[in-house]
Protein backbone atom coordinates (compact mmCIF):
# COMPACT_ATOMS: atom_id res chain seq x y z
CA UNK A 1 13.81 -91.41 141.97
CA UNK A 2 11.10 -89.18 143.41
CA UNK A 3 7.64 -90.70 143.81
CA UNK A 4 5.24 -89.72 141.03
CA UNK A 5 3.04 -87.75 143.47
CA UNK A 6 5.97 -85.50 144.50
CA UNK A 7 7.02 -85.00 140.89
CA UNK A 8 3.46 -83.95 140.09
CA UNK A 9 3.47 -81.39 142.92
CA UNK A 10 6.77 -79.91 141.75
CA UNK A 11 5.52 -79.70 138.17
CA UNK A 12 2.26 -78.09 139.32
CA UNK A 13 4.12 -75.44 141.30
CA UNK A 14 6.24 -74.54 138.28
CA UNK A 15 3.17 -74.34 136.10
CA UNK A 16 1.45 -72.00 138.53
CA UNK A 17 4.25 -69.41 138.64
CA UNK A 18 3.22 -67.62 135.41
CA UNK A 19 -0.10 -66.70 137.02
CA UNK A 20 1.68 -63.75 138.75
CA UNK A 21 -0.51 -63.67 141.84
CA UNK A 22 2.23 -61.66 143.55
CA UNK A 23 2.10 -58.94 140.89
CA UNK A 24 -1.67 -58.96 141.00
CA UNK A 25 -1.73 -58.63 144.80
CA UNK A 26 0.69 -55.70 144.65
CA UNK A 27 -1.88 -53.81 142.60
CA UNK A 28 -4.89 -55.07 144.56
CA UNK A 29 -3.46 -53.75 147.84
CA UNK A 30 -3.52 -50.27 146.36
CA UNK A 31 -7.29 -50.32 145.75
CA UNK A 32 -10.06 -49.60 148.22
CA UNK A 33 -11.65 -52.51 150.09
CA UNK A 34 -15.38 -53.21 150.32
CA UNK A 35 -16.98 -50.89 152.83
CA UNK A 36 -18.62 -52.34 155.96
CA UNK A 37 -17.20 -55.85 155.50
CA UNK A 38 -15.59 -57.37 158.58
CA UNK A 39 -12.84 -59.10 156.63
CA UNK A 40 -10.60 -57.32 154.12
CA UNK A 41 -12.41 -57.88 150.83
CA UNK A 42 -12.30 -56.39 147.35
CA UNK A 43 -14.46 -56.39 144.27
CA UNK A 44 -11.90 -57.12 141.58
CA UNK A 45 -12.03 -56.14 137.91
CA UNK A 46 -14.18 -58.03 135.44
CA UNK A 47 -12.37 -60.80 133.59
CA UNK A 48 -13.27 -60.75 129.89
CA UNK A 49 -12.31 -64.11 128.33
CA UNK A 50 -14.03 -63.22 125.06
CA UNK A 51 -16.09 -60.41 123.60
CA UNK A 52 -19.37 -59.93 125.44
CA UNK A 53 -18.44 -62.19 128.37
CA UNK A 54 -17.76 -60.20 131.55
CA UNK A 55 -17.03 -62.28 134.66
CA UNK A 56 -17.02 -60.46 138.05
CA UNK A 57 -14.30 -61.29 140.56
CA UNK A 58 -14.07 -61.02 144.32
CA UNK A 59 -11.10 -61.37 146.68
CA UNK A 60 -10.68 -61.80 150.42
CA UNK A 61 -7.55 -61.73 152.57
CA UNK A 62 -7.52 -64.02 155.59
CA UNK A 63 -4.89 -65.99 157.47
CA UNK A 64 -2.10 -65.05 155.09
CA UNK A 65 -4.03 -66.30 152.06
CA UNK A 66 -5.71 -64.37 149.28
CA UNK A 67 -8.93 -66.10 148.26
CA UNK A 68 -10.38 -65.31 144.85
CA UNK A 69 -13.70 -66.24 143.29
CA UNK A 70 -15.14 -65.71 139.84
CA UNK A 71 -18.81 -66.00 138.88
CA UNK A 72 -19.34 -67.83 135.61
CA UNK A 73 -23.00 -68.09 134.80
CA UNK A 74 -24.50 -70.67 137.13
CA UNK A 75 -21.15 -71.82 138.51
CA UNK A 76 -18.22 -70.36 140.40
CA UNK A 77 -14.48 -70.88 140.18
CA UNK A 78 -12.17 -70.25 143.14
CA UNK A 79 -8.44 -69.98 143.78
CA UNK A 80 -6.31 -69.42 146.88
CA UNK A 81 -2.81 -67.94 146.94
CA UNK A 82 -0.62 -68.38 150.02
CA UNK A 83 1.20 -65.08 150.38
CA UNK A 84 4.21 -66.54 152.23
CA UNK A 85 4.87 -69.70 150.23
CA UNK A 86 3.49 -68.57 146.87
CA UNK A 87 1.59 -71.84 146.50
CA UNK A 88 -1.72 -71.68 144.66
CA UNK A 89 -4.64 -74.04 145.00
CA UNK A 90 -7.73 -73.93 142.88
CA UNK A 91 -10.98 -75.76 142.44
CA UNK A 92 -12.04 -77.76 139.45
CA UNK A 93 -15.56 -76.44 139.43
CA UNK A 94 -17.27 -76.99 136.13
CA UNK A 95 -20.80 -76.82 134.85
CA UNK A 96 -22.65 -77.87 131.74
CA UNK A 97 -23.88 -74.29 131.62
CA UNK A 98 -20.38 -72.89 132.08
CA UNK A 99 -17.80 -75.14 130.39
CA UNK A 100 -15.06 -72.53 130.99
CA UNK A 101 -14.89 -73.12 134.73
CA UNK A 102 -11.86 -75.41 134.75
CA UNK A 103 -9.85 -74.02 137.66
CA UNK A 104 -6.19 -73.55 136.87
CA UNK A 105 -6.60 -72.83 133.15
CA UNK A 106 -9.18 -70.15 133.87
CA UNK A 107 -7.11 -68.38 136.51
CA UNK A 108 -3.92 -68.56 134.44
CA UNK A 109 -5.73 -66.54 131.79
CA UNK A 110 -7.46 -64.25 134.24
CA UNK A 111 -4.75 -63.05 136.64
CA UNK A 112 -2.51 -61.21 134.13
CA UNK A 113 -5.51 -59.47 132.63
CA UNK A 114 -6.89 -58.54 136.06
CA UNK A 115 -3.49 -57.19 137.12
CA UNK A 116 -3.28 -54.95 134.04
CA UNK A 117 -6.77 -53.61 134.70
CA UNK A 118 -5.91 -52.80 138.30
CA UNK A 119 -2.81 -50.96 137.14
CA UNK A 120 -4.90 -48.88 134.73
CA UNK A 121 -7.57 -48.20 137.35
CA UNK A 122 -5.02 -46.99 139.89
CA UNK A 123 -3.49 -44.55 137.39
CA UNK A 124 -6.84 -43.02 136.40
CA UNK A 125 -9.78 -44.38 138.42
CA UNK A 126 -12.34 -41.90 137.04
CA UNK A 127 -11.62 -42.80 133.43
CA UNK A 128 -11.50 -46.51 134.20
CA UNK A 129 -14.85 -46.54 136.05
CA UNK A 130 -16.54 -44.47 133.34
CA UNK A 131 -15.33 -46.92 130.74
CA UNK A 132 -16.66 -49.93 132.67
CA UNK A 133 -20.01 -48.21 133.16
CA UNK A 134 -20.21 -47.49 129.42
CA UNK A 135 -19.09 -50.88 128.12
CA UNK A 136 -20.58 -53.37 130.60
CA UNK A 137 -23.16 -55.42 128.65
CA UNK A 138 -26.71 -55.38 130.07
CA UNK A 139 -26.58 -59.19 130.14
CA UNK A 140 -23.73 -59.01 132.70
CA UNK A 141 -25.55 -56.62 135.05
CA UNK A 142 -27.66 -57.56 138.05
CA UNK A 143 -30.78 -55.94 139.39
CA UNK A 144 -34.36 -56.66 140.33
CA UNK A 145 -37.82 -56.25 138.88
CA UNK A 146 -41.31 -56.45 140.38
CA UNK A 147 -42.34 -60.09 140.24
CA UNK A 148 -45.64 -59.44 138.50
CA UNK A 149 -43.67 -57.89 135.65
CA UNK A 150 -41.86 -61.20 135.17
CA UNK A 151 -45.16 -62.98 134.47
CA UNK A 152 -46.72 -63.23 130.99
CA UNK A 153 -49.04 -60.33 130.25
CA UNK A 154 -52.56 -61.06 131.45
CA UNK A 155 -51.45 -63.82 133.84
CA UNK A 156 -53.21 -64.00 137.19
CA UNK A 157 -51.49 -64.11 140.56
CA UNK A 158 -51.34 -67.69 141.94
CA UNK A 159 -52.88 -66.50 145.21
CA UNK A 160 -56.24 -64.84 144.63
CA UNK A 161 -57.40 -61.94 146.85
CA UNK A 162 -60.06 -64.18 148.40
CA UNK A 163 -57.53 -66.90 149.20
CA UNK A 164 -55.15 -64.30 150.62
CA UNK A 165 -57.86 -63.13 153.01
CA UNK A 166 -58.56 -66.71 154.08
CA UNK A 167 -54.86 -67.22 154.71
CA UNK A 168 -54.63 -64.13 156.89
CA UNK A 169 -57.64 -65.19 158.95
CA UNK A 170 -56.42 -68.78 159.28
CA UNK A 171 -52.96 -67.68 160.41
CA UNK A 172 -54.50 -65.38 163.02
CA UNK A 173 -56.56 -68.33 164.29
CA UNK A 174 -53.45 -70.51 164.39
CA UNK A 175 -51.52 -67.97 166.45
CA UNK A 176 -54.34 -67.59 168.98
CA UNK A 177 -55.13 -71.34 169.23
CA UNK A 178 -54.28 -73.01 172.55
CA UNK A 179 -51.16 -75.20 172.52
CA UNK A 180 -51.44 -78.94 173.06
CA UNK A 181 -50.52 -80.61 176.31
CA UNK A 182 -49.01 -83.69 174.69
CA UNK A 183 -47.79 -84.99 171.35
CA UNK A 184 -47.43 -88.48 169.88
CA UNK A 185 -46.48 -89.78 166.46
CA UNK A 186 -50.17 -90.30 165.71
CA UNK A 187 -50.96 -86.74 166.77
CA UNK A 188 -48.28 -85.38 164.48
CA UNK A 189 -49.17 -87.54 161.47
CA UNK A 190 -52.91 -86.86 161.78
CA UNK A 191 -52.22 -83.13 161.87
CA UNK A 192 -49.83 -83.36 158.94
CA UNK A 193 -52.57 -85.28 157.09
CA UNK A 194 -54.77 -82.14 157.22
CA UNK A 195 -52.00 -80.28 155.43
CA UNK A 196 -51.50 -83.06 152.89
CA UNK A 197 -55.21 -83.15 152.06
CA UNK A 198 -55.17 -79.40 151.38
CA UNK A 199 -52.21 -79.67 149.05
CA UNK A 200 -52.60 -83.04 147.32
CA UNK A 201 -56.01 -84.37 146.31
CA UNK A 202 -54.45 -87.64 145.16
CA UNK A 203 -53.49 -88.48 148.77
CA UNK A 204 -56.99 -88.26 150.27
CA UNK A 205 -57.59 -92.01 150.28
CA UNK A 206 -54.34 -92.83 152.10
CA UNK A 207 -53.73 -93.18 155.84
CA UNK A 208 -51.84 -90.35 157.62
CA UNK A 209 -48.70 -92.48 157.76
CA UNK A 210 -48.96 -93.46 154.10
CA UNK A 211 -49.36 -89.81 153.10
CA UNK A 212 -46.22 -88.95 155.03
CA UNK A 213 -44.29 -91.84 153.51
CA UNK A 214 -45.40 -90.81 150.02
CA UNK A 215 -44.36 -87.14 150.17
CA UNK A 216 -41.94 -86.53 153.04
CA UNK A 217 -38.17 -86.70 153.04
CA UNK A 218 -37.36 -90.36 153.74
CA UNK A 219 -34.82 -89.47 156.46
CA UNK A 220 -37.32 -89.52 159.34
CA UNK A 221 -34.65 -89.92 162.04
CA UNK A 222 -36.57 -92.61 163.97
CA UNK A 223 -39.94 -90.84 164.01
CA UNK A 224 -41.77 -93.72 162.35
CA UNK A 225 -40.12 -96.26 164.67
CA UNK A 226 -41.75 -94.82 167.81
CA UNK A 227 -44.85 -96.28 169.44
CA UNK A 228 -47.66 -94.42 167.64
CA UNK A 229 -49.66 -93.37 170.73
CA UNK A 230 -46.87 -93.02 173.28
CA UNK A 231 -46.54 -89.29 173.99
CA UNK A 232 -43.71 -89.82 176.48
CA UNK A 233 -41.70 -91.75 173.92
CA UNK A 234 -42.24 -88.96 171.43
CA UNK A 235 -41.16 -86.31 173.98
CA UNK A 236 -38.05 -88.24 174.97
CA UNK A 237 -37.07 -88.89 171.36
CA UNK A 238 -37.68 -85.26 170.41
CA UNK A 239 -35.71 -83.93 173.39
CA UNK A 240 -32.78 -86.28 172.81
CA UNK A 241 -32.25 -84.74 169.37
CA UNK A 242 -31.58 -88.24 168.08
CA UNK A 243 -33.12 -87.00 164.85
CA UNK A 244 -30.53 -84.23 164.34
CA UNK A 245 -29.13 -84.39 160.84
CA UNK A 246 -32.29 -86.06 159.56
CA UNK A 247 -35.35 -84.40 158.05
CA UNK A 248 -38.40 -85.77 159.89
CA UNK A 249 -40.28 -82.48 159.57
CA UNK A 250 -39.82 -81.99 155.83
CA UNK A 251 -43.29 -83.24 154.94
CA UNK A 252 -42.83 -82.30 151.27
CA UNK A 253 -39.40 -82.95 149.83
CA UNK A 254 -37.80 -80.10 147.87
CA UNK A 255 -34.50 -78.43 147.10
CA UNK A 256 -32.83 -77.16 149.19
CA UNK A 257 -35.89 -77.80 151.35
CA UNK A 258 -39.55 -78.13 150.46
CA UNK A 259 -42.30 -77.69 153.05
CA UNK A 260 -41.44 -78.17 156.72
CA UNK A 261 -44.04 -78.81 159.43
CA UNK A 262 -42.43 -79.16 162.84
CA UNK A 263 -43.83 -79.48 166.37
CA UNK A 264 -42.27 -77.06 168.87
CA UNK A 265 -42.61 -77.31 172.67
CA UNK A 266 -42.72 -74.15 174.76
CA UNK A 267 -41.07 -73.64 178.17
CA UNK A 268 -43.97 -75.44 179.85
CA UNK A 269 -43.82 -78.44 177.54
CA UNK A 270 -46.90 -77.50 175.53
CA UNK A 271 -46.84 -78.04 171.79
CA UNK A 272 -47.39 -75.76 168.84
CA UNK A 273 -46.59 -76.21 165.15
CA UNK A 274 -44.30 -74.31 162.84
CA UNK A 275 -44.93 -74.30 159.08
CA UNK A 276 -42.31 -73.01 156.64
CA UNK A 277 -41.48 -73.31 152.96
CA UNK A 278 -38.16 -72.72 151.19
CA UNK A 279 -38.71 -73.68 147.55
CA UNK A 280 -40.80 -71.05 145.71
CA UNK A 281 -42.45 -73.80 143.69
CA UNK A 282 -44.15 -74.98 146.89
CA UNK A 283 -45.31 -71.54 148.10
CA UNK A 284 -48.93 -71.95 146.98
CA UNK A 285 -49.18 -75.48 148.36
CA UNK A 286 -47.84 -74.29 151.72
CA UNK A 287 -50.35 -71.43 151.76
CA UNK A 288 -53.22 -73.89 151.18
CA UNK A 289 -51.86 -76.07 153.97
CA UNK A 290 -51.72 -73.11 156.36
CA UNK A 291 -55.34 -72.27 155.57
CA UNK A 292 -56.49 -75.82 156.29
CA UNK A 293 -54.53 -76.05 159.54
CA UNK A 294 -55.58 -72.63 160.82
CA UNK A 295 -59.23 -73.20 159.99
CA UNK A 296 -59.03 -76.52 161.87
CA UNK A 297 -57.87 -74.70 165.01
CA UNK A 298 -54.34 -76.08 164.98
CA UNK A 299 -51.89 -73.97 167.04
CA UNK A 300 -49.70 -72.77 164.20
CA UNK A 301 -47.21 -70.16 163.06
CA UNK A 302 -46.57 -69.78 159.33
CA UNK A 303 -42.96 -68.61 159.11
CA UNK A 304 -42.27 -65.82 156.57
CA UNK A 305 -45.95 -65.68 155.66
CA UNK A 306 -45.75 -62.08 154.45
CA UNK A 307 -42.87 -62.93 152.11
CA UNK A 308 -44.73 -65.93 150.71
CA UNK A 309 -47.87 -63.87 150.14
CA UNK A 310 -45.88 -61.08 148.48
CA UNK A 311 -44.34 -63.58 146.06
CA UNK A 312 -47.66 -65.25 145.28
CA UNK A 313 -49.31 -61.88 144.69
CA UNK A 314 -46.39 -60.63 142.58
CA UNK A 315 -45.56 -57.79 144.95
CA UNK A 316 -41.97 -58.70 145.76
CA UNK A 317 -38.94 -58.49 143.49
CA UNK A 318 -37.25 -61.05 141.27
CA UNK A 319 -33.44 -60.94 140.96
CA UNK A 320 -32.28 -60.32 137.39
CA UNK A 321 -28.86 -61.39 136.16
CA UNK A 322 -26.77 -64.20 134.67
CA UNK A 323 -26.00 -65.99 137.94
CA UNK A 324 -27.54 -68.83 139.94
CA UNK A 325 -31.02 -68.07 141.26
CA UNK A 326 -31.50 -65.10 138.94
CA UNK A 327 -33.81 -64.63 135.97
CA UNK A 328 -31.76 -63.84 132.89
CA UNK A 329 -32.38 -60.62 131.01
CA UNK A 330 -32.97 -62.61 127.81
CA UNK A 331 -35.65 -64.74 129.45
CA UNK A 332 -37.35 -61.68 130.94
CA UNK A 333 -37.40 -60.02 127.52
CA UNK A 334 -39.04 -63.11 126.06
CA UNK A 335 -41.67 -63.38 128.79
CA UNK A 336 -42.47 -59.69 129.10
CA UNK A 337 -40.79 -57.47 126.47
CA UNK A 338 -41.62 -54.21 128.27
CA UNK A 339 -40.33 -55.39 131.67
CA UNK A 340 -36.58 -54.61 131.22
CA UNK A 341 -37.42 -50.91 131.20
CA UNK A 342 -38.60 -51.31 134.80
CA UNK A 343 -35.50 -53.09 136.15
CA UNK A 344 -33.79 -51.43 139.10
CA UNK A 345 -30.12 -52.11 138.34
CA UNK A 346 -27.56 -52.68 141.08
CA UNK A 347 -24.69 -50.19 141.36
CA UNK A 348 -21.57 -51.33 139.52
CA UNK A 349 -18.60 -51.65 141.92
CA UNK A 350 -15.94 -49.02 141.28
CA UNK A 351 -12.17 -49.37 141.65
CA UNK A 352 -10.56 -46.53 143.58
CA UNK A 353 -7.27 -45.94 145.43
CA UNK A 354 -7.26 -47.26 148.96
CA UNK A 355 -7.81 -44.77 151.78
CA UNK A 356 -5.20 -44.30 154.48
CA UNK A 357 -7.49 -45.83 157.12
CA UNK A 358 -8.06 -48.99 155.08
CA UNK A 359 -4.36 -49.16 154.24
CA UNK A 360 -3.57 -49.37 157.94
CA UNK A 361 -6.29 -51.99 158.41
CA UNK A 362 -4.90 -54.03 155.52
CA UNK A 363 -1.41 -53.85 157.01
CA UNK A 364 -2.81 -55.05 160.36
CA UNK A 365 -4.45 -58.07 158.72
CA UNK A 366 -1.27 -58.91 156.81
CA UNK A 367 0.58 -59.01 160.14
CA UNK A 368 -2.07 -60.75 162.25
CA UNK A 369 -4.03 -62.87 159.82
CA UNK A 370 -7.47 -61.39 160.61
CA UNK A 371 -9.13 -58.11 161.65
CA UNK A 372 -9.63 -59.36 165.20
CA UNK A 373 -8.34 -56.69 167.55
CA UNK A 374 -8.40 -53.91 164.96
CA UNK A 375 -9.87 -50.77 166.46
């Protein structure tokens, strides 16, 4: 008797056959690839599991495997079809926001529908693309809108003009400040304490180390184990990269990162500081920290300062759409009813017959596994 694991694999392979990836790929090869991409990639048709729900698909050919992905709200489902063996693997990605993302079941429903749409698009691409443009629900589109138009009417920018001017002056002072000849744990923590005091009034009464322990990522990589005043020990530890993989410089924890404040030695071993912020929710705090550090004469560079200021002043753009990291159209309409009229919508990918040049490139990748060596 076959082991249960082998029986399961055989049953799974039989269950996957109705997905007709081979038929789908026959049609996909006849459509144009995405321009300017290194690998052979396609925007596939939208999968419509139910009325009003349009899920975009994307495919990439590499190493004899066709990789497919489907965006489903704030989650993504993926599948991979081995062209030679016909075996299909898929993820089991699911989300509370997107209960449909169940891997195999989703792709079993999607592939036949996607294949039929490709067949229709190849026969009459102009009619197909016009139909998609006409029927695609606004909620399924992506675009961008000026950030200040995503704020409630009458709301003030988090960064006032006066504070923006102070930030510019402080950053200029930080850039021109002389670098330090040495660095110890105490030097770093005392400097970080200036930043903490600017961002968190509740930390003022704590020691520099206690402030760090309260707010920083706990993975300090050995920083707090060093002799506090030993600059050589700090230099040796820093240079050894023993802290790689840890987050000693993430002085404010966030996702994926909060506020980072790292010492950086130059070619002559002199030290400067580098301040950066990833999470938009910490932008204003980081700006206040940069002001305090610059005004204190700390040698400092505030990474992506212009982008942070633009966001805090509402001058940059907010992505609009149903996917992760985007503001939904429905939420924008609730916050600022007149804002949707000002959205700059992204072009909708069109399906068209493949050009002769891309056909030859596709054939090359099918033979060699990748575009490496293609003229």
